[in-house]
Amino acid sequence: MKRVAIVWIGLAVCAWALPAKEEDDYDVIWKKFKDMYAKVYETSEEEMMRRAIFDENILEVQKHNLEYDLGRYTYTLGMNEFSDMTVDEFEKQMNGLRPPADVDDSPPTSVHSYDGPDTDLPAAVDWTKKGFVTPVKNQHACGSCYAFSATGALEGQMFNKTGKLVSLSEQNIVDCSKAEGNHGCFGGYMDYAFNYVRINKGIDTEEAYPYVGKNQNCSYNAKDIGGEDVGLVDIKSGSEVSLQHAVATVGPVSVGINARGRKFKAYKKGVYTKWWCPRMKSWLDHGVLAVGYGTTNGQDYWLVKNSWGTRWGLDGYVKMARNKKNMCGIATMASYPLV
């Protein structure tokens, strides 16, 4: 019978741990997993397939966390609601960033560039502590990460302008920004979302236009506007110090990252570092929000808000290595709206 050492599965408000006892095995974990996330499979064959994927992911988590204990990694992994999915199907479902292949297809922008030393900037910034950031949201089974990234940046800028934090409608962008180049639940690009809001002269509030996680007909109502922008600014591509300057002086910034691989899918805590994580634009597949930065145990990091719910990562956030040659392309395609 297969035995388990320690497996952590995140809850919305806490986490439970399975102790390493003789009687605890994968059957127990599997049942708890299904109960926790209300997993229901259509056939016994599908459940067997999902169970096999789940067991494989448990082994990966155990192996990684043992190596973390030995000092080989700076972050831990955990089991979560995606643990019964293969990496390929997860990425196709959740990683919906679709940047234009040709720069000429991008909306016109100005460029935010900073060439000064990073020592002139604050050592740490966290906009979540200053009222700029709404609670973590969940895109569910829809490739709408770009919409969550864009609304997050716009929410911060609207707060800076008005002093009021209003949750904006991702569904508005999913349903209504196809003319600007987005593809609803099949992916999109943050700059296209900002461009839609500019052309449309506004975006509805989340309360008025709630998220459903699927493609619908556009139901925008000008009476329910919660935010607007007059343009956007792209950060100098590849420059982490320019991104740092923007985060420090402007607020939360939309960023595209390379989120490929099972380790990012299963990230739990610590500073996510990956020795091989291509930073080219063509590799970026997930839109997120840089809400701060800092240093822990001598390691620089970006504080990043994700859109996979609070059960993923650090209550929905991830710390990604900073000043590691633009690891995972976090500074390759960053932007913010002008309000």
C-alpha atoms as a PDB file:
ATOM      1  CA  MET A   1       0.000   0.000   0.000  1.00  0.00           C
ATOM      2  CA  LYS A   2       1.257   3.482  -0.844  1.00  0.00           C
ATOM      3  CA  ARG A   3       2.158   5.647   2.122  1.00  0.00           C
ATOM      4  CA  VAL A   4       2.397   9.406   2.430  1.00  0.00           C
ATOM      5  CA  ALA A   5       4.795  11.619   4.361  1.00  0.00           C
ATOM      6  CA  ILE A   6       3.283  15.097   4.605  1.00  0.00           C
ATOM      7  CA  VAL A   7       0.827  16.651   2.193  1.00  0.00           C
ATOM      8  CA  TRP A   8      -0.599  20.115   2.579  1.00  0.00           C
ATOM      9  CA  ILE A   9      -3.868  21.110   0.999  1.00  0.00           C
ATOM     10  CA  GLY A  10      -4.927  24.745   1.263  1.00  0.00           C
ATOM     11  CA  LEU A  11      -8.330  25.756   2.578  1.00  0.00           C
ATOM     12  CA  ALA A  12      -9.929  29.147   2.046  1.00  0.00           C
ATOM     13  CA  VAL A  13      -9.162  30.260   5.612  1.00  0.00           C
ATOM     14  CA  CYS A  14      -6.688  27.698   6.879  1.00  0.00           C
ATOM     15  CA  ALA A  15      -4.830  24.553   5.858  1.00  0.00           C
ATOM     16  CA  TRP A  16      -4.977  20.972   7.000  1.00  0.00           C
ATOM     17  CA  ALA A  17      -2.010  18.646   7.110  1.00  0.00           C
ATOM     18  CA  LEU A  18      -2.015  14.899   6.849  1.00  0.00           C
ATOM     19  CA  PRO A  19       0.318  13.459   9.510  1.00  0.00           C
ATOM     20  CA  ALA A  20       2.723  10.691   8.585  1.00  0.00           C
ATOM     21  CA  LYS A  21       0.892   7.831  10.269  1.00  0.00           C
ATOM     22  CA  GLU A  22       0.748   4.205   9.226  1.00  0.00           C
ATOM     23  CA  GLU A  23      -2.953   4.265   8.416  1.00  0.00           C
ATOM     24  CA  ASP A  24      -2.875   7.371   6.240  1.00  0.00           C
ATOM     25  CA  ASP A  25      -2.614   6.572   2.563  1.00  0.00           C
ATOM     26  CA  TYR A  26      -3.526   7.994  -0.785  1.00  0.00           C
ATOM     27  CA  ASP A  27      -7.120   6.759  -0.490  1.00  0.00           C
ATOM     28  CA  VAL A  28      -7.671   9.002   2.516  1.00  0.00           C
ATOM     29  CA  ILE A  29      -6.090  11.988   0.811  1.00  0.00           C
ATOM     30  CA  TRP A  30      -8.049  11.423  -2.375  1.00  0.00           C
ATOM     31  CA  LYS A  31     -11.371  11.347  -0.518  1.00  0.00           C
ATOM     32  CA  LYS A  32     -10.526  14.516   1.407  1.00  0.00           C
ATOM     33  CA  PHE A  33      -9.502  16.216  -1.818  1.00  0.00           C
ATOM     34  CA  LYS A  34     -12.784  15.349  -3.537  1.00  0.00           C
ATOM     35  CA  ASP A  35     -14.817  16.469  -0.534  1.00  0.00           C
ATOM     36  CA  MET A  36     -12.895  19.706  -0.108  1.00  0.00           C
ATOM     37  CA  TYR A  37     -13.235  20.842  -3.700  1.00  0.00           C
ATOM     38  CA  ALA A  38     -16.598  19.187  -4.453  1.00  0.00           C
ATOM     39  CA  LYS A  39     -15.031  17.121  -7.221  1.00  0.00           C
ATOM     40  CA  VAL A  40     -17.482  14.978  -9.184  1.00  0.00           C
ATOM     41  CA  TYR A  41     -16.444  12.885 -12.185  1.00  0.00           C
ATOM     42  CA  GLU A  42     -18.796  11.722 -14.919  1.00  0.00           C
ATOM     43  CA  THR A  43     -17.521   8.143 -15.137  1.00  0.00           C
ATOM     44  CA  SER A  44     -15.450   5.721 -13.092  1.00  0.00           C
ATOM     45  CA  GLU A  45     -12.899   5.748 -15.906  1.00  0.00           C
ATOM     46  CA  GLU A  46     -12.482   9.505 -15.613  1.00  0.00           C
ATOM     47  CA  GLU A  47     -12.089   9.234 -11.847  1.00  0.00           C
ATOM     48  CA  MET A  48      -9.391   6.591 -12.275  1.00  0.00           C
ATOM     49  CA  MET A  49      -7.555   8.872 -14.686  1.00  0.00           C
ATOM     50  CA  ARG A  50      -7.839  11.853 -12.337  1.00  0.00           C
ATOM     51  CA  ARG A  51      -6.728   9.735  -9.408  1.00  0.00           C
ATOM     52  CA  ALA A  52      -3.601   8.656 -11.296  1.00  0.00           C
ATOM     53  CA  ILE A  53      -2.745  12.277 -12.085  1.00  0.00           C
ATOM     54  CA  PHE A  54      -3.397  13.230  -8.464  1.00  0.00           C
ATOM     55  CA  ASP A  55      -1.112  10.477  -7.137  1.00  0.00           C
ATOM     56  CA  GLU A  56       1.645  11.575  -9.490  1.00  0.00           C
ATOM     57  CA  ASN A  57       1.302  15.162  -8.283  1.00  0.00           C
ATOM     58  CA  ILE A  58       1.513  14.061  -4.646  1.00  0.00           C
ATOM     59  CA  LEU A  59       4.840  12.389  -5.343  1.00  0.00           C
ATOM     60  CA  GLU A  60       6.108  15.545  -7.049  1.00  0.00           C
ATOM     61  CA  VAL A  61       5.070  17.689  -4.073  1.00  0.00           C
ATOM     62  CA  GLN A  62       6.723  15.322  -1.582  1.00  0.00           C
ATOM     63  CA  LYS A  63       9.946  15.126  -3.562  1.00  0.00           C
ATOM     64  CA  HIS A  64      10.155  18.886  -4.036  1.00  0.00           C
ATOM     65  CA  ASN A  65       9.429  19.689  -0.384  1.00  0.00           C
ATOM     66  CA  LEU A  66      12.044  17.209   0.817  1.00  0.00           C
ATOM     67  CA  GLU A  67      14.546  18.972  -1.421  1.00  0.00           C
ATOM     68  CA  TYR A  68      13.330  22.304  -0.021  1.00  0.00           C
ATOM     69  CA  ASP A  69      14.165  21.013   3.462  1.00  0.00           C
ATOM     70  CA  LEU A  70      17.654  20.245   2.168  1.00  0.00           C
ATOM     71  CA  GLY A  71      18.038  23.821   0.943  1.00  0.00           C
ATOM     72  CA  ARG A  72      17.753  23.088  -2.777  1.00  0.00           C
ATOM     73  CA  TYR A  73      14.667  25.250  -3.300  1.00  0.00           C
ATOM     74  CA  THR A  74      13.470  28.558  -1.884  1.00  0.00           C
ATOM     75  CA  TYR A  75       9.768  27.729  -2.082  1.00  0.00           C
ATOM     76  CA  THR A  76       7.419  24.873  -1.259  1.00  0.00           C
ATOM     77  CA  LEU A  77       4.665  23.156  -3.219  1.00  0.00           C
ATOM     78  CA  GLY A  78       1.215  22.047  -2.088  1.00  0.00           C
ATOM     79  CA  MET A  79      -1.832  20.167  -3.284  1.00  0.00           C
ATOM     80  CA  ASN A  80      -4.699  22.358  -4.465  1.00  0.00           C
ATOM     81  CA  GLU A  81      -7.866  22.228  -6.564  1.00  0.00           C
ATOM     82  CA  PHE A  82      -5.783  21.795  -9.724  1.00  0.00           C
ATOM     83  CA  SER A  83      -4.004  18.673  -8.489  1.00  0.00           C
ATOM     84  CA  ASP A  84      -6.139  16.316 -10.583  1.00  0.00           C
ATOM     85  CA  MET A  85      -5.222  18.112 -13.824  1.00  0.00           C
ATOM     86  CA  THR A  86      -2.279  17.551 -16.133  1.00  0.00           C
ATOM     87  CA  VAL A  87       0.022  20.486 -16.713  1.00  0.00           C
ATOM     88  CA  ASP A  88      -1.047  20.698 -20.344  1.00  0.00           C
ATOM     89  CA  GLU A  89      -4.782  20.891 -19.701  1.00  0.00           C
ATOM     90  CA  PHE A  90      -4.260  23.279 -16.801  1.00  0.00           C
ATOM     91  CA  GLU A  91      -2.226  25.685 -18.913  1.00  0.00           C
ATOM     92  CA  LYS A  92      -4.749  25.597 -21.745  1.00  0.00           C
ATOM     93  CA  GLN A  93      -7.574  26.348 -19.327  1.00  0.00           C
ATOM     94  CA  MET A  94      -6.009  28.865 -16.945  1.00  0.00           C
ATOM     95  CA  ASN A  95      -3.138  30.603 -18.743  1.00  0.00           C
ATOM     96  CA  GLY A  96      -4.920  32.887 -21.191  1.00  0.00           C
ATOM     97  CA  LEU A  97      -2.397  35.602 -21.991  1.00  0.00           C
ATOM     98  CA  ARG A  98      -2.300  36.115 -25.768  1.00  0.00           C
ATOM     99  CA  PRO A  99       0.035  39.009 -26.637  1.00  0.00           C
ATOM    100  CA  PRO A 100       0.183  40.195 -30.243  1.00  0.00           C
ATOM    101  CA  ALA A 101       2.857  38.525 -32.340  1.00  0.00           C
ATOM    102  CA  ASP A 102       3.644  41.812 -34.063  1.00  0.00           C
ATOM    103  CA  VAL A 103       4.391  44.946 -32.050  1.00  0.00           C
ATOM    104  CA  ASP A 104       2.560  46.945 -34.739  1.00  0.00           C
ATOM    105  CA  ASP A 105      -0.658  45.283 -33.570  1.00  0.00           C
ATOM    106  CA  SER A 106      -0.313  46.766 -30.082  1.00  0.00           C
ATOM    107  CA  PRO A 107      -2.230  49.895 -29.026  1.00  0.00           C
ATOM    108  CA  PRO A 108      -0.174  53.127 -29.170  1.00  0.00           C
ATOM    109  CA  THR A 109       1.512  53.838 -25.848  1.00  0.00           C
ATOM    110  CA  SER A 110       4.178  55.851 -24.114  1.00  0.00           C
ATOM    111  CA  VAL A 111       7.053  54.064 -22.374  1.00  0.00           C
ATOM    112  CA  HIS A 112       7.939  54.165 -18.681  1.00  0.00           C
ATOM    113  CA  SER A 113      11.721  53.965 -18.401  1.00  0.00           C
ATOM    114  CA  TYR A 114      14.005  54.444 -15.409  1.00  0.00           C
ATOM    115  CA  ASP A 115      17.774  54.336 -15.704  1.00  0.00           C
ATOM    116  CA  GLY A 116      18.734  55.404 -12.207  1.00  0.00           C
ATOM    117  CA  PRO A 117      20.088  53.115  -9.477  1.00  0.00           C
ATOM    118  CA  ASP A 118      17.636  50.939  -7.592  1.00  0.00           C
ATOM    119  CA  THR A 119      19.171  52.261  -4.367  1.00  0.00           C
ATOM    120  CA  ASP A 120      17.246  55.495  -4.995  1.00  0.00           C
ATOM    121  CA  LEU A 121      13.976  53.548  -4.791  1.00  0.00           C
ATOM    122  CA  PRO A 122      12.204  52.275  -1.666  1.00  0.00           C
ATOM    123  CA  ALA A 123      13.634  48.972  -0.431  1.00  0.00           C
ATOM    124  CA  ALA A 124      10.151  47.489  -0.190  1.00  0.00           C
ATOM    125  CA  VAL A 125       6.641  48.336  -1.394  1.00  0.00           C
ATOM    126  CA  ASP A 126       3.322  46.597  -0.707  1.00  0.00           C
ATOM    127  CA  TRP A 127       0.239  48.249  -2.168  1.00  0.00           C
ATOM    128  CA  THR A 128      -2.050  45.681  -0.522  1.00  0.00           C
ATOM    129  CA  LYS A 129      -1.376  47.482   2.760  1.00  0.00           C
ATOM    130  CA  LYS A 130      -2.295  50.898   1.354  1.00  0.00           C
ATOM    131  CA  GLY A 131      -5.785  50.225   0.033  1.00  0.00           C
ATOM    132  CA  PHE A 132      -4.903  49.923  -3.664  1.00  0.00           C
ATOM    133  CA  VAL A 133      -5.760  46.239  -4.107  1.00  0.00           C
ATOM    134  CA  THR A 134      -9.095  44.408  -4.077  1.00  0.00           C
ATOM    135  CA  PRO A 135      -9.378  40.898  -2.579  1.00  0.00           C
ATOM    136  CA  VAL A 136      -8.039  37.968  -4.610  1.00  0.00           C
ATOM    137  CA  LYS A 137     -10.478  36.832  -7.292  1.00  0.00           C
ATOM    138  CA  ASN A 138     -10.915  33.553  -9.171  1.00  0.00           C
ATOM    139  CA  GLN A 139     -11.061  33.247 -12.957  1.00  0.00           C
ATOM    140  CA  HIS A 140     -12.230  29.599 -12.714  1.00  0.00           C
ATOM    141  CA  ALA A 141     -12.229  27.529 -15.920  1.00  0.00           C
ATOM    142  CA  CYS A 142     -11.860  30.509 -18.249  1.00  0.00           C
ATOM    143  CA  GLY A 143      -8.696  31.861 -19.868  1.00  0.00           C
ATOM    144  CA  SER A 144      -9.404  35.386 -18.649  1.00  0.00           C
ATOM    145  CA  CYS A 145      -6.260  36.092 -16.627  1.00  0.00           C
ATOM    146  CA  TYR A 146      -5.571  39.155 -18.791  1.00  0.00           C
ATOM    147  CA  ALA A 147      -8.887  40.700 -17.688  1.00  0.00           C
ATOM    148  CA  PHE A 148      -8.090  40.214 -13.992  1.00  0.00           C
ATOM    149  CA  SER A 149      -4.620  41.668 -14.460  1.00  0.00           C
ATOM    150  CA  ALA A 150      -6.032  44.710 -16.255  1.00  0.00           C
ATOM    151  CA  THR A 151      -8.831  45.394 -13.773  1.00  0.00           C
ATOM    152  CA  GLY A 152      -6.358  45.048 -10.910  1.00  0.00           C
ATOM    153  CA  ALA A 153      -4.127  47.769 -12.316  1.00  0.00           C
ATOM    154  CA  LEU A 154      -7.105  50.008 -13.098  1.00  0.00           C
ATOM    155  CA  GLU A 155      -8.618  49.471  -9.641  1.00  0.00           C
ATOM    156  CA  GLY A 156      -5.368  50.700  -8.115  1.00  0.00           C
ATOM    157  CA  GLN A 157      -5.183  53.787 -10.318  1.00  0.00           C
ATOM    158  CA  MET A 158      -8.825  54.656  -9.689  1.00  0.00           C
ATOM    159  CA  PHE A 159      -8.212  54.344  -5.947  1.00  0.00           C
ATOM    160  CA  ASN A 160      -5.213  56.646  -6.249  1.00  0.00           C
ATOM    161  CA  LYS A 161      -7.385  59.184  -8.081  1.00  0.00           C
ATOM    162  CA  THR A 162     -10.607  58.994  -6.065  1.00  0.00           C
ATOM    163  CA  GLY A 163      -9.683  57.489  -2.713  1.00  0.00           C
ATOM    164  CA  LYS A 164     -12.309  54.783  -3.245  1.00  0.00           C
ATOM    165  CA  LEU A 165     -11.481  51.140  -3.986  1.00  0.00           C
ATOM    166  CA  VAL A 166     -14.096  49.740  -6.373  1.00  0.00           C
ATOM    167  CA  SER A 167     -13.982  46.202  -7.745  1.00  0.00           C
ATOM    168  CA  LEU A 168     -14.238  46.356 -11.542  1.00  0.00           C
ATOM    169  CA  SER A 169     -15.881  43.880 -13.900  1.00  0.00           C
ATOM    170  CA  GLU A 170     -13.654  41.302 -15.557  1.00  0.00           C
ATOM    171  CA  GLN A 171     -16.740  39.893 -17.254  1.00  0.00           C
ATOM    172  CA  ASN A 172     -17.228  43.263 -18.952  1.00  0.00           C
ATOM    173  CA  ILE A 173     -13.791  42.846 -20.563  1.00  0.00           C
ATOM    174  CA  VAL A 174     -14.352  39.158 -21.376  1.00  0.00           C
ATOM    175  CA  ASP A 175     -17.643  39.878 -23.145  1.00  0.00           C
ATOM    176  CA  CYS A 176     -17.017  43.245 -24.742  1.00  0.00           C
ATOM    177  CA  SER A 177     -13.376  43.696 -25.829  1.00  0.00           C
ATOM    178  CA  LYS A 178     -13.251  41.378 -28.827  1.00  0.00           C
ATOM    179  CA  ALA A 179     -13.154  44.301 -31.265  1.00  0.00           C
ATOM    180  CA  GLU A 180      -9.946  45.430 -29.562  1.00  0.00           C
ATOM    181  CA  GLY A 181      -8.340  42.019 -30.121  1.00  0.00           C
ATOM    182  CA  ASN A 182      -9.283  39.907 -27.095  1.00  0.00           C
ATOM    183  CA  HIS A 183     -10.922  36.484 -27.282  1.00  0.00           C
ATOM    184  CA  GLY A 184     -13.058  36.217 -24.162  1.00  0.00           C
ATOM    185  CA  CYS A 185     -12.365  33.004 -22.254  1.00  0.00           C
ATOM    186  CA  PHE A 186      -9.937  31.970 -24.974  1.00  0.00           C
ATOM    187  CA  GLY A 187      -7.368  34.553 -23.969  1.00  0.00           C
ATOM    188  CA  GLY A 188      -6.356  38.152 -24.438  1.00  0.00           C
ATOM    189  CA  TYR A 189      -3.913  40.918 -23.673  1.00  0.00           C
ATOM    190  CA  MET A 190      -3.929  43.552 -20.920  1.00  0.00           C
ATOM    191  CA  ASP A 191      -3.150  46.458 -23.259  1.00  0.00           C
ATOM    192  CA  TYR A 192      -6.152  45.489 -25.395  1.00  0.00           C
ATOM    193  CA  ALA A 193      -8.284  45.598 -22.242  1.00  0.00           C
ATOM    194  CA  PHE A 194      -7.006  49.070 -21.329  1.00  0.00           C
ATOM    195  CA  ASN A 195      -7.643  50.172 -24.897  1.00  0.00           C
ATOM    196  CA  TYR A 196     -11.219  48.872 -24.705  1.00  0.00           C
ATOM    197  CA  VAL A 197     -11.883  50.866 -21.535  1.00  0.00           C
ATOM    198  CA  ARG A 198     -10.481  54.013 -23.177  1.00  0.00           C
ATOM    199  CA  ILE A 199     -12.532  53.633 -26.368  1.00  0.00           C
ATOM    200  CA  ASN A 200     -15.648  52.600 -24.436  1.00  0.00           C
ATOM    201  CA  LYS A 201     -15.196  55.508 -22.023  1.00  0.00           C
ATOM    202  CA  GLY A 202     -15.548  53.252 -19.017  1.00  0.00           C
ATOM    203  CA  ILE A 203     -15.906  49.819 -17.446  1.00  0.00           C
ATOM    204  CA  ASP A 204     -18.731  48.606 -15.211  1.00  0.00           C
ATOM    205  CA  THR A 205     -18.378  47.656 -11.575  1.00  0.00           C
ATOM    206  CA  GLU A 206     -18.094  44.023 -10.554  1.00  0.00           C
ATOM    207  CA  GLU A 207     -21.312  44.384  -8.591  1.00  0.00           C
ATOM    208  CA  ALA A 208     -23.281  45.556 -11.627  1.00  0.00           C
ATOM    209  CA  TYR A 209     -21.678  43.154 -14.106  1.00  0.00           C
ATOM    210  CA  PRO A 210     -20.656  40.056 -12.086  1.00  0.00           C
ATOM    211  CA  TYR A 211     -18.199  37.432 -13.222  1.00  0.00           C
ATOM    212  CA  VAL A 212     -19.577  34.145 -14.575  1.00  0.00           C
ATOM    213  CA  GLY A 213     -16.448  32.680 -16.160  1.00  0.00           C
ATOM    214  CA  LYS A 214     -17.820  32.032 -19.629  1.00  0.00           C
ATOM    215  CA  ASN A 215     -18.361  33.927 -22.871  1.00  0.00           C
ATOM    216  CA  GLN A 216     -21.581  35.942 -23.082  1.00  0.00           C
ATOM    217  CA  ASN A 217     -23.053  38.729 -25.154  1.00  0.00           C
ATOM    218  CA  CYS A 218     -21.814  42.157 -24.107  1.00  0.00           C
ATOM    219  CA  SER A 219     -24.047  43.671 -21.408  1.00  0.00           C
ATOM    220  CA  TYR A 220     -22.148  46.873 -20.624  1.00  0.00           C
ATOM    221  CA  ASN A 221     -24.273  49.642 -19.102  1.00  0.00           C
ATOM    222  CA  ALA A 222     -22.887  53.183 -19.009  1.00  0.00           C
ATOM    223  CA  LYS A 223     -24.927  53.858 -15.860  1.00  0.00           C
ATOM    224  CA  ASP A 224     -22.821  51.335 -13.945  1.00  0.00           C
ATOM    225  CA  ILE A 225     -19.329  52.686 -14.687  1.00  0.00           C
ATOM    226  CA  GLY A 226     -16.796  52.031 -11.943  1.00  0.00           C
ATOM    227  CA  GLY A 227     -13.627  53.160 -13.686  1.00  0.00           C
ATOM    228  CA  GLU A 228     -12.150  54.645 -16.834  1.00  0.00           C
ATOM    229  CA  ASP A 229      -8.804  55.331 -18.448  1.00  0.00           C
ATOM    230  CA  VAL A 230      -7.443  57.719 -21.060  1.00  0.00           C
ATOM    231  CA  GLY A 231      -4.570  55.574 -22.274  1.00  0.00           C
ATOM    232  CA  LEU A 232      -1.807  53.290 -21.096  1.00  0.00           C
ATOM    233  CA  VAL A 233       1.920  53.157 -20.486  1.00  0.00           C
ATOM    234  CA  ASP A 234       4.211  50.231 -21.273  1.00  0.00           C
ATOM    235  CA  ILE A 235       7.220  49.629 -19.032  1.00  0.00           C
ATOM    236  CA  LYS A 236      10.582  49.486 -20.800  1.00  0.00           C
ATOM    237  CA  SER A 237      10.702  45.845 -21.866  1.00  0.00           C
ATOM    238  CA  GLY A 238      13.108  43.662 -19.930  1.00  0.00           C
ATOM    239  CA  SER A 239      14.067  46.340 -17.403  1.00  0.00           C
ATOM    240  CA  GLU A 240      13.390  45.177 -13.863  1.00  0.00           C
ATOM    241  CA  VAL A 241      14.568  48.486 -12.427  1.00  0.00           C
ATOM    242  CA  SER A 242      12.024  50.321 -14.617  1.00  0.00           C
ATOM    243  CA  LEU A 243       9.323  47.951 -13.383  1.00  0.00           C
ATOM    244  CA  GLN A 244      10.486  48.521  -9.815  1.00  0.00           C
ATOM    245  CA  HIS A 245      10.291  52.280 -10.336  1.00  0.00           C
ATOM    246  CA  ALA A 246       6.777  51.989 -11.782  1.00  0.00           C
ATOM    247  CA  VAL A 247       5.540  49.787  -8.939  1.00  0.00           C
ATOM    248  CA  ALA A 248       7.100  52.135  -6.379  1.00  0.00           C
ATOM    249  CA  THR A 249       5.841  55.406  -7.871  1.00  0.00           C
ATOM    250  CA  VAL A 250       2.671  54.533  -9.794  1.00  0.00           C
ATOM    251  CA  GLY A 251       1.038  51.551  -8.068  1.00  0.00           C
ATOM    252  CA  PRO A 252       0.085  47.994  -9.053  1.00  0.00           C
ATOM    253  CA  VAL A 253       1.264  47.105 -12.561  1.00  0.00           C
ATOM    254  CA  SER A 254      -0.081  44.522 -15.014  1.00  0.00           C
ATOM    255  CA  VAL A 255       2.603  42.011 -15.971  1.00  0.00           C
ATOM    256  CA  GLY A 256       2.809  38.974 -18.201  1.00  0.00           C
ATOM    257  CA  ILE A 257       4.793  35.982 -16.990  1.00  0.00           C
ATOM    258  CA  ASN A 258       5.899  32.557 -18.113  1.00  0.00           C
ATOM    259  CA  ALA A 259       3.834  30.380 -15.759  1.00  0.00           C
ATOM    260  CA  ARG A 260       4.505  27.089 -17.516  1.00  0.00           C
ATOM    261  CA  GLY A 261       5.185  23.897 -15.598  1.00  0.00           C
ATOM    262  CA  ARG A 262       3.751  21.910 -12.717  1.00  0.00           C
ATOM    263  CA  LYS A 263       5.755  23.725 -10.052  1.00  0.00           C
ATOM    264  CA  PHE A 264       4.075  27.081 -10.598  1.00  0.00           C
ATOM    265  CA  LYS A 265       0.697  25.313 -10.687  1.00  0.00           C
ATOM    266  CA  ALA A 266       1.430  23.793  -7.266  1.00  0.00           C
ATOM    267  CA  TYR A 267       3.252  26.784  -5.682  1.00  0.00           C
ATOM    268  CA  LYS A 268       2.496  27.186  -1.972  1.00  0.00           C
ATOM    269  CA  LYS A 269       4.902  29.626  -0.280  1.00  0.00           C
ATOM    270  CA  GLY A 270       8.413  31.054  -0.393  1.00  0.00           C
ATOM    271  CA  VAL A 271      10.236  32.832  -3.216  1.00  0.00           C
ATOM    272  CA  TYR A 272       9.514  31.138  -6.539  1.00  0.00           C
ATOM    273  CA  THR A 273      12.782  30.728  -8.425  1.00  0.00           C
ATOM    274  CA  LYS A 274      13.289  28.793 -11.626  1.00  0.00           C
ATOM    275  CA  TRP A 275      16.709  28.329 -13.171  1.00  0.00           C
ATOM    276  CA  TRP A 276      15.298  27.959 -16.701  1.00  0.00           C
ATOM    277  CA  CYS A 277      12.265  30.138 -17.347  1.00  0.00           C
ATOM    278  CA  PRO A 278      12.376  31.827 -20.773  1.00  0.00           C
ATOM    279  CA  ARG A 279      11.607  35.540 -20.628  1.00  0.00           C
ATOM    280  CA  MET A 280      10.849  36.225 -24.288  1.00  0.00           C
ATOM    281  CA  LYS A 281       7.449  37.655 -25.156  1.00  0.00           C
ATOM    282  CA  SER A 282       6.469  34.520 -27.065  1.00  0.00           C
ATOM    283  CA  TRP A 283       6.830  32.463 -23.862  1.00  0.00           C
ATOM    284  CA  LEU A 284       4.573  34.627 -21.711  1.00  0.00           C
ATOM    285  CA  ASP A 285       1.265  32.871 -21.083  1.00  0.00           C
ATOM    286  CA  HIS A 286      -0.275  34.307 -17.915  1.00  0.00           C
ATOM    287  CA  GLY A 287      -1.402  37.792 -16.919  1.00  0.00           C
ATOM    288  CA  VAL A 288      -0.992  38.786 -13.261  1.00  0.00           C
ATOM    289  CA  LEU A 289      -0.547  41.927 -11.145  1.00  0.00           C
ATOM    290  CA  ALA A 290       2.684  43.154  -9.534  1.00  0.00           C
ATOM    291  CA  VAL A 291       1.517  44.781  -6.291  1.00  0.00           C
ATOM    292  CA  GLY A 292       4.856  45.226  -4.559  1.00  0.00           C
ATOM    293  CA  TYR A 293       8.367  43.989  -3.989  1.00  0.00           C
ATOM    294  CA  GLY A 294      10.826  43.380  -1.181  1.00  0.00           C
ATOM    295  CA  THR A 295      13.616  41.202   0.137  1.00  0.00           C
ATOM    296  CA  THR A 296      13.441  38.182   2.434  1.00  0.00           C
ATOM    297  CA  ASN A 297      16.417  36.232   3.753  1.00  0.00           C
ATOM    298  CA  GLY A 298      18.628  38.143   1.350  1.00  0.00           C
ATOM    299  CA  GLN A 299      16.517  37.229  -1.678  1.00  0.00           C
ATOM    300  CA  ASP A 300      14.787  39.942  -3.704  1.00  0.00           C
ATOM    301  CA  TYR A 301      11.221  39.207  -4.783  1.00  0.00           C
ATOM    302  CA  TRP A 302       8.186  40.607  -6.560  1.00  0.00           C
ATOM    303  CA  LEU A 303       4.843  40.349  -4.749  1.00  0.00           C
ATOM    304  CA  VAL A 304       2.355  39.202  -7.378  1.00  0.00           C
ATOM    305  CA  LYS A 305      -1.432  38.880  -7.169  1.00  0.00           C
ATOM    306  CA  ASN A 306      -2.816  35.905  -9.084  1.00  0.00           C
ATOM    307  CA  SER A 307      -6.414  35.156 -10.135  1.00  0.00           C
ATOM    308  CA  TRP A 308      -6.692  31.496  -9.109  1.00  0.00           C
ATOM    309  CA  GLY A 309      -8.501  32.053  -5.808  1.00  0.00           C
ATOM    310  CA  THR A 310      -7.205  32.248  -2.246  1.00  0.00           C
ATOM    311  CA  ARG A 311      -6.518  28.509  -1.954  1.00  0.00           C
ATOM    312  CA  TRP A 312      -3.592  28.794  -4.357  1.00  0.00           C
ATOM    313  CA  GLY A 313      -0.191  29.971  -3.144  1.00  0.00           C
ATOM    314  CA  LEU A 314       0.121  32.572  -0.394  1.00  0.00           C
ATOM    315  CA  ASP A 315      -3.615  33.223  -0.055  1.00  0.00           C
ATOM    316  CA  GLY A 316      -3.703  33.862  -3.790  1.00  0.00           C
ATOM    317  CA  TYR A 317      -0.320  35.589  -4.088  1.00  0.00           C
ATOM    318  CA  VAL A 318       3.140  34.479  -5.153  1.00  0.00           C
ATOM    319  CA  LYS A 319       6.570  35.873  -4.394  1.00  0.00           C
ATOM    320  CA  MET A 320       8.643  35.671  -7.579  1.00  0.00           C
ATOM    321  CA  ALA A 321      12.409  36.109  -7.674  1.00  0.00           C
ATOM    322  CA  ARG A 322      13.476  39.677  -8.504  1.00  0.00           C
ATOM    323  CA  ASN A 323      16.740  40.826 -10.062  1.00  0.00           C
ATOM    324  CA  LYS A 324      17.313  37.361 -11.513  1.00  0.00           C
ATOM    325  CA  LYS A 325      17.792  38.482 -15.127  1.00  0.00           C
ATOM    326  CA  ASN A 326      14.079  39.134 -15.622  1.00  0.00           C
ATOM    327  CA  MET A 327      13.165  35.600 -14.543  1.00  0.00           C
ATOM    328  CA  CYS A 328      10.040  34.265 -16.272  1.00  0.00           C
ATOM    329  CA  GLY A 329       9.755  37.532 -18.203  1.00  0.00           C
ATOM    330  CA  ILE A 330       8.065  39.512 -15.452  1.00  0.00           C
ATOM    331  CA  ALA A 331       9.473  42.772 -16.855  1.00  0.00           C
ATOM    332  CA  THR A 332       9.110  41.841 -20.529  1.00  0.00           C
ATOM    333  CA  MET A 333       5.518  42.961 -20.983  1.00  0.00           C
ATOM    334  CA  ALA A 334       4.375  45.227 -18.146  1.00  0.00           C
ATOM    335  CA  SER A 335       1.940  48.133 -18.360  1.00  0.00           C
ATOM    336  CA  TYR A 336      -0.481  50.329 -16.450  1.00  0.00           C
ATOM    337  CA  PRO A 337      -3.455  52.535 -17.394  1.00  0.00           C
ATOM    338  CA  LEU A 338      -3.597  56.318 -17.281  1.00  0.00           C
ATOM    339  CA  VAL A 339      -6.641  57.728 -15.510  1.00  0.00           C
END
